[in-house]
Amino acid sequence: MVNAAEDTGTVNSVGINRGLPDPMNDPVIKAILENATAMESLPDSIAAKADKNGNITASRFDAKTEAYLNNYISPANNLVKTMKNGGYTEDQITQFLNMNGYGWDPKTGASWKGTAPTPEEQKIINKIRGQDYSPYGAFSQTRSSSAIARDGRAGGATQSVNNENTFVGFNGYMNPGSMFVSSAGTFQHVVTTHVGKKTPSGQDDWTEAGVSNSMNDAYARYFTYDNDEGAWQFHGAAEVEWYKNYAIYVTSSSDSSGYIYNIWIDNNWVRSGHLKARQTGINNANEIWSLGTNWFDYDDINPAFQNENLYTTSGSVQWGDYPTTGTSLKSDPYGYVLKDHYMNSGTWKFYSWNV
């Protein structure tokens, strides 16, 4: 270890040789890493589980749950705060986070536990779901229009809340289906939930969590995305054809970048970031793309969302308790993807398929 009195040139776990100790010798940092898995998991009193058929052990929402979600700080953000207080530079913090499976945006403080796309993977993403992609408006507008005009077909279906000024997140269950892709059929398939809304100046502002599969991927993966903080992050191989829990909660805490949100997939924290507004729009979406004149692959198990709770600033409501959760349903204008919407265990089940 190098102390402040001398710089011997010794390089420790983050290449620090400027009078700062190896972070692994800091008991606070060591404790955060040792307890990271437990810190990332929602407590049993909040967590909810579902089996392949969607049989769900329900979560609950009470004052204790609300306080936990509002005050949650991830291991990644704990590490950043501790290392900043210890005098480490942004580069040193970034390197140490990366060594332990985390990432962050030094400009905003957003953080995640995941893996960014490789340059080649990003090219594939940009080919279909490029920079002009937007989750707002009719589905004919919710994909890279320039890419589609150049490359092929797009289809999709969405379920959206009508009221963007009440809800601060959701906790629900999604089965992405079989998500078949092939060189002659579906090139890319994304099943996801978007949370956010346009800013008063008309700019897009959203985050999302779901499952993505591409013809160029070895397997389907869990992913999150934020349109202005950290972009795409992958969170490991997805169990397709199984229901998993997805939750996004926008907290009451804010800073210069906006209101802080957290995302959990299968009850495990994967991302923190910011949204400009706390009350947001929410939609479930099934999105498919093909190249050229290729038609879409048929999925023998189709995407479905169900048993969803929508968070408000003072509790939660089930998606389906009208008129509180007035809902709009849309399919793409060409009939490539259809949808259904019916009651299941007191909440709506949103089901979509390819034709």
Protein backbone atom coordinates (compact mmCIF):
# COMPACT_ATOMS: atom_id res chain seq x y z
CA MET A 1 0.00 0.00 0.00
CA VAL A 2 1.23 3.48 -0.86
CA ASN A 3 0.76 6.17 1.79
CA ALA A 4 0.50 9.90 1.47
CA ALA A 5 4.08 10.42 2.55
CA GLU A 6 5.70 8.63 -0.33
CA ASP A 7 4.97 7.46 -3.83
CA THR A 8 7.01 4.38 -4.60
CA GLY A 9 5.39 3.76 -7.95
CA THR A 10 3.62 0.66 -6.66
CA VAL A 11 0.45 -0.13 -8.63
CA ASN A 12 -2.47 -1.57 -6.68
CA SER A 13 -5.89 -2.88 -7.73
CA VAL A 14 -6.81 0.31 -9.59
CA GLY A 15 -3.37 1.43 -10.58
CA ILE A 16 -3.22 4.07 -7.87
CA ASN A 17 0.26 5.30 -6.96
CA ARG A 18 -0.48 8.82 -5.80
CA GLY A 19 -0.74 8.49 -2.07
CA LEU A 20 -4.12 6.75 -1.90
CA PRO A 21 -4.62 3.26 -0.46
CA ASP A 22 -5.82 0.28 -2.43
CA PRO A 23 -9.65 0.45 -2.23
CA MET A 24 -9.71 -3.22 -1.24
CA ASN A 25 -7.96 -2.23 1.98
CA ASP A 26 -10.77 0.18 2.88
CA PRO A 27 -13.11 -1.67 5.31
CA VAL A 28 -16.17 0.26 4.11
CA ILE A 29 -15.53 -0.54 0.45
CA LYS A 30 -14.75 -4.14 1.29
CA ALA A 31 -17.99 -4.44 3.25
CA ILE A 32 -20.04 -3.01 0.36
CA LEU A 33 -18.59 -5.59 -2.04
CA GLU A 34 -19.03 -8.46 0.40
CA ASN A 35 -22.70 -7.56 0.92
CA ALA A 36 -23.46 -6.46 -2.64
CA THR A 37 -25.64 -9.43 -3.58
CA ALA A 38 -27.85 -8.98 -0.53
CA MET A 39 -28.02 -5.21 -1.10
CA GLU A 40 -29.11 -5.70 -4.71
CA SER A 41 -31.94 -8.11 -3.86
CA LEU A 42 -35.32 -6.80 -2.84
CA PRO A 43 -36.24 -7.88 0.71
CA ASP A 44 -38.50 -10.93 1.00
CA SER A 45 -41.28 -8.68 2.29
CA ILE A 46 -41.25 -6.78 -1.03
CA ALA A 47 -40.03 -9.34 -3.56
CA ALA A 48 -42.45 -11.33 -5.66
CA LYS A 49 -41.91 -14.50 -7.67
CA ALA A 50 -43.61 -16.10 -10.64
CA ASP A 51 -43.32 -19.52 -12.24
CA LYS A 52 -43.33 -20.32 -15.96
CA ASN A 53 -47.12 -20.24 -16.11
CA GLY A 54 -47.39 -16.89 -14.39
CA ASN A 55 -48.50 -18.21 -11.01
CA ILE A 56 -47.34 -15.36 -8.81
CA THR A 57 -46.54 -14.91 -5.18
CA ALA A 58 -47.83 -11.37 -4.87
CA SER A 59 -45.69 -8.48 -3.70
CA ARG A 60 -47.13 -5.90 -1.34
CA PHE A 61 -46.98 -2.14 -1.22
CA ASP A 62 -47.25 -0.38 2.13
CA ALA A 63 -45.55 2.50 3.92
CA LYS A 64 -42.50 0.34 4.70
CA THR A 65 -42.16 -0.69 1.05
CA GLU A 66 -42.51 2.89 -0.14
CA ALA A 67 -39.83 4.07 2.28
CA TYR A 68 -37.47 1.31 1.14
CA LEU A 69 -37.92 2.13 -2.55
CA ASN A 70 -37.57 5.87 -1.99
CA ASN A 71 -34.39 5.54 0.05
CA TYR A 72 -32.72 2.69 -1.83
CA ILE A 73 -29.02 3.16 -2.67
CA SER A 74 -27.34 0.52 -4.81
CA PRO A 75 -23.90 -0.97 -4.07
CA ALA A 76 -22.58 0.84 -7.15
CA ASN A 77 -23.74 4.23 -5.88
CA ASN A 78 -22.45 3.40 -2.41
CA LEU A 79 -19.03 2.65 -3.88
CA VAL A 80 -19.02 5.89 -5.86
CA LYS A 81 -19.94 7.96 -2.80
CA THR A 82 -17.37 6.25 -0.57
CA MET A 83 -14.57 6.55 -3.12
CA LYS A 84 -15.35 10.20 -3.86
CA ASN A 85 -15.15 10.94 -0.14
CA GLY A 86 -11.83 9.06 -0.09
CA GLY A 87 -10.30 11.33 -2.73
CA TYR A 88 -10.23 8.90 -5.64
CA THR A 89 -10.47 10.35 -9.14
CA GLU A 90 -13.29 9.67 -11.57
CA ASP A 91 -10.98 7.48 -13.66
CA GLN A 92 -9.97 5.47 -10.61
CA ILE A 93 -13.58 5.05 -9.54
CA THR A 94 -14.56 3.98 -13.06
CA GLN A 95 -11.77 1.41 -13.22
CA PHE A 96 -12.61 -0.04 -9.82
CA LEU A 97 -16.33 -0.25 -10.64
CA ASN A 98 -15.56 -2.01 -13.93
CA MET A 99 -13.36 -4.52 -12.13
CA ASN A 100 -16.35 -5.42 -9.95
CA GLY A 101 -19.00 -5.63 -12.66
CA TYR A 102 -20.40 -2.11 -12.36
CA GLY A 103 -20.43 1.01 -14.48
CA TRP A 104 -21.41 4.65 -14.03
CA ASP A 105 -21.77 7.99 -15.75
CA PRO A 106 -19.49 10.46 -13.91
CA LYS A 107 -21.42 13.43 -15.33
CA THR A 108 -24.74 12.45 -13.77
CA GLY A 109 -24.00 9.71 -11.23
CA ALA A 110 -26.15 7.13 -13.04
CA SER A 111 -24.94 3.58 -12.41
CA TRP A 112 -25.59 -0.01 -13.41
CA LYS A 113 -24.56 -3.62 -12.99
CA GLY A 114 -24.19 -4.90 -16.50
CA THR A 115 -22.24 -5.09 -19.73
CA ALA A 116 -22.32 -2.54 -22.51
CA PRO A 117 -22.71 -3.76 -26.10
CA THR A 118 -19.52 -4.45 -28.00
CA PRO A 119 -18.87 -2.12 -30.96
CA GLU A 120 -20.17 -4.85 -33.29
CA GLU A 121 -23.27 -5.41 -31.17
CA GLN A 122 -23.93 -1.66 -31.12
CA LYS A 123 -23.82 -1.60 -34.93
CA ILE A 124 -26.56 -4.24 -35.00
CA ILE A 125 -28.64 -2.31 -32.47
CA ASN A 126 -28.23 0.90 -34.47
CA LYS A 127 -29.21 -0.88 -37.68
CA ILE A 128 -32.76 -1.39 -36.42
CA ARG A 129 -33.28 0.47 -33.17
CA GLY A 130 -31.12 3.44 -34.03
CA GLN A 131 -30.70 6.92 -32.61
CA ASP A 132 -34.03 8.11 -34.01
CA TYR A 133 -35.96 5.40 -32.19
CA SER A 134 -38.62 6.72 -29.82
CA PRO A 135 -41.22 4.93 -27.65
CA TYR A 136 -43.68 7.81 -27.97
CA GLY A 137 -46.64 8.05 -30.33
CA ALA A 138 -48.10 5.43 -32.64
CA PHE A 139 -45.98 2.38 -33.31
CA SER A 140 -45.36 3.58 -36.87
CA GLN A 141 -43.16 6.20 -35.20
CA THR A 142 -41.53 3.98 -32.59
CA ARG A 143 -38.58 2.63 -34.50
CA SER A 144 -35.69 3.90 -36.56
CA SER A 145 -37.58 5.25 -39.55
CA SER A 146 -34.45 5.77 -41.64
CA ALA A 147 -33.26 2.23 -40.93
CA ILE A 148 -36.65 0.71 -41.76
CA ALA A 149 -36.93 2.67 -44.97
CA ARG A 150 -33.53 1.27 -45.91
CA ASP A 151 -33.64 -2.22 -44.47
CA GLY A 152 -37.07 -3.81 -44.08
CA ARG A 153 -40.19 -4.30 -41.98
CA ALA A 154 -41.17 -3.33 -38.44
CA GLY A 155 -44.11 -4.37 -36.31
CA GLY A 156 -45.30 -3.99 -32.77
CA ALA A 157 -48.02 -3.62 -30.19
CA THR A 158 -48.18 -1.44 -27.07
CA GLN A 159 -50.31 -0.98 -23.98
CA SER A 160 -49.99 2.49 -22.45
CA VAL A 161 -51.43 4.35 -19.48
CA ASN A 162 -53.35 7.44 -20.58
CA ASN A 163 -52.39 9.48 -17.51
CA GLU A 164 -48.74 10.56 -17.48
CA ASN A 165 -49.12 12.76 -14.40
CA THR A 166 -49.94 10.19 -11.71
CA PHE A 167 -47.63 7.17 -11.85
CA VAL A 168 -44.03 6.96 -10.64
CA GLY A 169 -43.22 3.44 -11.79
CA PHE A 170 -44.47 -0.12 -12.02
CA ASN A 171 -43.95 -3.61 -10.66
CA GLY A 172 -45.15 -6.41 -12.90
CA TYR A 173 -44.50 -9.65 -14.71
CA MET A 174 -43.49 -10.30 -18.28
CA ASN A 175 -42.96 -13.44 -20.32
CA PRO A 176 -41.07 -12.53 -23.52
CA GLY A 177 -42.20 -15.69 -25.31
CA SER A 178 -39.99 -17.78 -27.57
CA MET A 179 -38.49 -14.78 -29.41
CA PHE A 180 -37.43 -16.79 -32.47
CA VAL A 181 -35.01 -15.05 -34.84
CA SER A 182 -33.55 -16.23 -38.14
CA SER A 183 -31.65 -15.03 -41.19
CA ALA A 184 -34.86 -15.22 -43.25
CA GLY A 185 -37.29 -13.96 -40.62
CA THR A 186 -37.25 -11.79 -37.50
CA PHE A 187 -33.90 -10.03 -37.31
CA GLN A 188 -34.40 -8.39 -33.92
CA HIS A 189 -37.07 -8.78 -31.22
CA VAL A 190 -37.51 -6.61 -28.11
CA VAL A 191 -40.14 -7.08 -25.39
CA THR A 192 -39.96 -4.25 -22.90
CA THR A 193 -41.60 -1.70 -20.61
CA HIS A 194 -40.85 2.00 -21.13
CA VAL A 195 -41.10 4.51 -18.28
CA GLY A 196 -40.87 8.25 -18.96
CA LYS A 197 -42.41 11.03 -21.02
CA LYS A 198 -41.41 13.89 -23.25
CA THR A 199 -40.07 17.00 -21.53
CA PRO A 200 -41.97 20.32 -21.82
CA SER A 201 -39.55 21.27 -24.61
CA GLY A 202 -40.46 18.11 -26.54
CA GLN A 203 -37.32 16.07 -25.89
CA ASP A 204 -37.49 12.31 -25.35
CA ASP A 205 -36.77 11.22 -21.78
CA TRP A 206 -37.21 7.58 -20.80
CA THR A 207 -35.74 4.38 -19.44
CA GLU A 208 -36.81 0.77 -19.99
CA ALA A 209 -36.25 -2.85 -18.98
CA GLY A 210 -36.94 -6.06 -20.86
CA VAL A 211 -35.51 -8.81 -23.05
CA SER A 212 -33.77 -8.42 -26.40
CA ASN A 213 -32.83 -11.02 -29.00
CA SER A 214 -31.10 -10.55 -32.34
CA MET A 215 -30.04 -12.79 -35.21
CA ASN A 216 -26.46 -11.89 -34.28
CA ASP A 217 -26.83 -12.77 -30.58
CA ALA A 218 -25.87 -16.14 -29.13
CA TYR A 219 -28.96 -15.99 -26.87
CA ALA A 220 -31.66 -13.63 -25.63
CA ARG A 221 -30.55 -11.24 -22.87
CA TYR A 222 -32.07 -9.08 -20.18
CA PHE A 223 -31.40 -5.42 -20.95
CA THR A 224 -32.03 -1.90 -19.74
CA TYR A 225 -31.74 1.35 -21.64
CA ASP A 226 -31.68 5.03 -20.78
CA ASN A 227 -31.80 7.45 -23.68
CA ASP A 228 -29.32 9.93 -22.17
CA GLU A 229 -27.43 8.05 -19.42
CA GLY A 230 -25.44 4.93 -20.18
CA ALA A 231 -27.58 3.79 -23.14
CA TRP A 232 -27.82 -0.02 -23.53
CA GLN A 233 -26.71 -2.38 -20.79
CA PHE A 234 -27.08 -6.16 -20.82
CA HIS A 235 -27.72 -8.11 -17.61
CA GLY A 236 -27.08 -11.73 -18.54
CA ALA A 237 -28.86 -14.50 -20.41
CA ALA A 238 -32.64 -14.28 -20.24
CA GLU A 239 -34.93 -17.16 -19.40
CA VAL A 240 -37.29 -16.84 -22.36
CA GLU A 241 -40.72 -18.44 -22.08
CA TRP A 242 -40.70 -17.72 -18.33
CA TYR A 243 -42.38 -14.97 -16.34
CA LYS A 244 -39.99 -12.70 -14.48
CA ASN A 245 -40.59 -9.66 -12.31
CA TYR A 246 -39.62 -6.21 -13.63
CA ALA A 247 -39.83 -3.06 -11.51
CA ILE A 248 -38.91 0.58 -12.10
CA TYR A 249 -39.44 3.11 -9.32
CA VAL A 250 -38.84 6.86 -9.66
CA THR A 251 -37.94 8.14 -6.22
CA SER A 252 -38.81 11.46 -4.60
CA SER A 253 -35.10 12.34 -4.50
CA SER A 254 -33.74 14.63 -7.19
CA ASP A 255 -30.55 16.42 -8.17
CA SER A 256 -29.40 18.52 -11.11
CA SER A 257 -29.95 15.58 -13.50
CA GLY A 258 -33.54 14.89 -12.44
CA TYR A 259 -35.42 12.41 -10.27
CA ILE A 260 -33.46 9.29 -9.35
CA TYR A 261 -34.93 5.95 -10.43
CA ASN A 262 -33.93 2.33 -9.82
CA ILE A 263 -34.60 -0.79 -11.88
CA TRP A 264 -34.88 -4.39 -10.65
CA ILE A 265 -35.10 -7.46 -12.88
CA ASP A 266 -36.18 -10.70 -11.20
CA ASN A 267 -36.04 -8.76 -7.91
CA ASN A 268 -32.34 -7.87 -8.41
CA TRP A 269 -31.11 -4.29 -8.85
CA VAL A 270 -29.53 -3.62 -12.25
CA ARG A 271 -29.63 0.14 -12.85
CA SER A 272 -30.04 3.67 -11.46
CA GLY A 273 -30.52 6.85 -13.46
CA HIS A 274 -32.60 10.01 -13.78
CA LEU A 275 -35.86 11.15 -15.33
CA LYS A 276 -36.76 14.79 -15.68
CA ALA A 277 -40.26 14.25 -14.23
CA ARG A 278 -41.26 11.96 -11.40
CA GLN A 279 -44.77 11.30 -12.70
CA THR A 280 -44.35 9.40 -15.95
CA GLY A 281 -45.96 7.58 -18.81
CA ILE A 282 -45.67 3.77 -18.82
CA ASN A 283 -46.10 1.31 -21.67
CA ASN A 284 -45.60 -2.38 -22.36
CA ALA A 285 -44.30 -3.12 -25.84
CA ASN A 286 -43.65 -6.03 -28.19
CA GLU A 287 -41.40 -4.85 -31.04
CA ILE A 288 -40.11 -6.87 -33.99
CA TRP A 289 -38.01 -6.07 -37.05
CA SER A 290 -36.96 -7.93 -40.19
CA LEU A 291 -34.62 -7.09 -43.05
CA GLY A 292 -35.56 -6.55 -46.70
CA THR A 293 -38.79 -8.30 -47.62
CA ASN A 294 -38.40 -11.01 -44.97
CA TRP A 295 -41.49 -11.90 -42.98
CA PHE A 296 -41.44 -12.39 -39.22
CA ASP A 297 -40.79 -15.69 -37.48
CA TYR A 298 -43.77 -17.29 -35.78
CA ASP A 299 -43.42 -17.49 -31.98
CA ASP A 300 -45.10 -20.56 -30.50
CA ILE A 301 -45.10 -18.82 -27.11
CA ASN A 302 -46.08 -15.17 -27.37
CA PRO A 303 -45.12 -12.18 -25.19
CA ALA A 304 -47.41 -11.43 -22.27
CA PHE A 305 -47.52 -8.88 -19.45
CA GLN A 306 -49.70 -9.46 -16.39
CA ASN A 307 -50.37 -8.79 -12.69
CA GLU A 308 -48.91 -5.30 -12.87
CA ASN A 309 -49.04 -2.74 -10.09
CA LEU A 310 -48.56 0.92 -10.94
CA TYR A 311 -46.86 3.03 -8.28
CA THR A 312 -48.25 6.43 -7.33
CA THR A 313 -46.76 9.02 -5.00
CA SER A 314 -48.76 7.55 -2.13
CA GLY A 315 -49.19 3.84 -2.86
CA SER A 316 -50.06 1.66 -5.82
CA VAL A 317 -53.00 0.59 -7.97
CA GLN A 318 -53.46 -2.51 -10.08
CA TRP A 319 -53.27 -1.94 -13.81
CA GLY A 320 -56.90 -2.50 -14.64
CA ASP A 321 -58.65 -0.59 -11.87
CA TYR A 322 -60.62 1.74 -14.11
CA PRO A 323 -60.89 4.66 -14.41
CA THR A 324 -57.67 5.16 -12.42
CA THR A 325 -55.55 3.32 -14.96
CA GLY A 326 -57.19 4.27 -18.22
CA THR A 327 -55.30 2.41 -20.94
CA SER A 328 -54.64 2.77 -24.67
CA LEU A 329 -53.86 -0.21 -26.92
CA LYS A 330 -52.09 0.13 -30.25
CA SER A 331 -50.81 -2.19 -32.96
CA ASP A 332 -48.59 -1.19 -35.86
CA PRO A 333 -50.56 0.12 -38.84
CA TYR A 334 -49.83 -2.92 -41.04
CA GLY A 335 -51.24 -5.67 -38.80
CA TYR A 336 -47.90 -7.43 -38.32
CA VAL A 337 -48.41 -7.75 -34.56
CA LEU A 338 -51.79 -8.13 -32.87
CA LYS A 339 -52.77 -7.88 -29.23
CA ASP A 340 -55.35 -8.91 -26.68
CA HIS A 341 -56.25 -7.45 -23.32
CA TYR A 342 -58.28 -9.19 -20.64
CA MET A 343 -58.61 -9.49 -16.89
CA ASN A 344 -56.32 -11.91 -15.06
CA SER A 345 -56.30 -12.21 -11.26
CA GLY A 346 -57.73 -8.72 -10.85
CA THR A 347 -55.37 -6.97 -13.28
CA TRP A 348 -55.12 -6.75 -17.02
CA LYS A 349 -53.15 -9.30 -19.00
CA PHE A 350 -51.66 -7.80 -22.16
CA TYR A 351 -50.90 -10.47 -24.75
CA SER A 352 -49.47 -9.99 -28.25
CA TRP A 353 -48.46 -12.15 -31.16
CA ASN A 354 -47.13 -12.12 -34.73
CA VAL A 355 -49.33 -12.87 -37.74
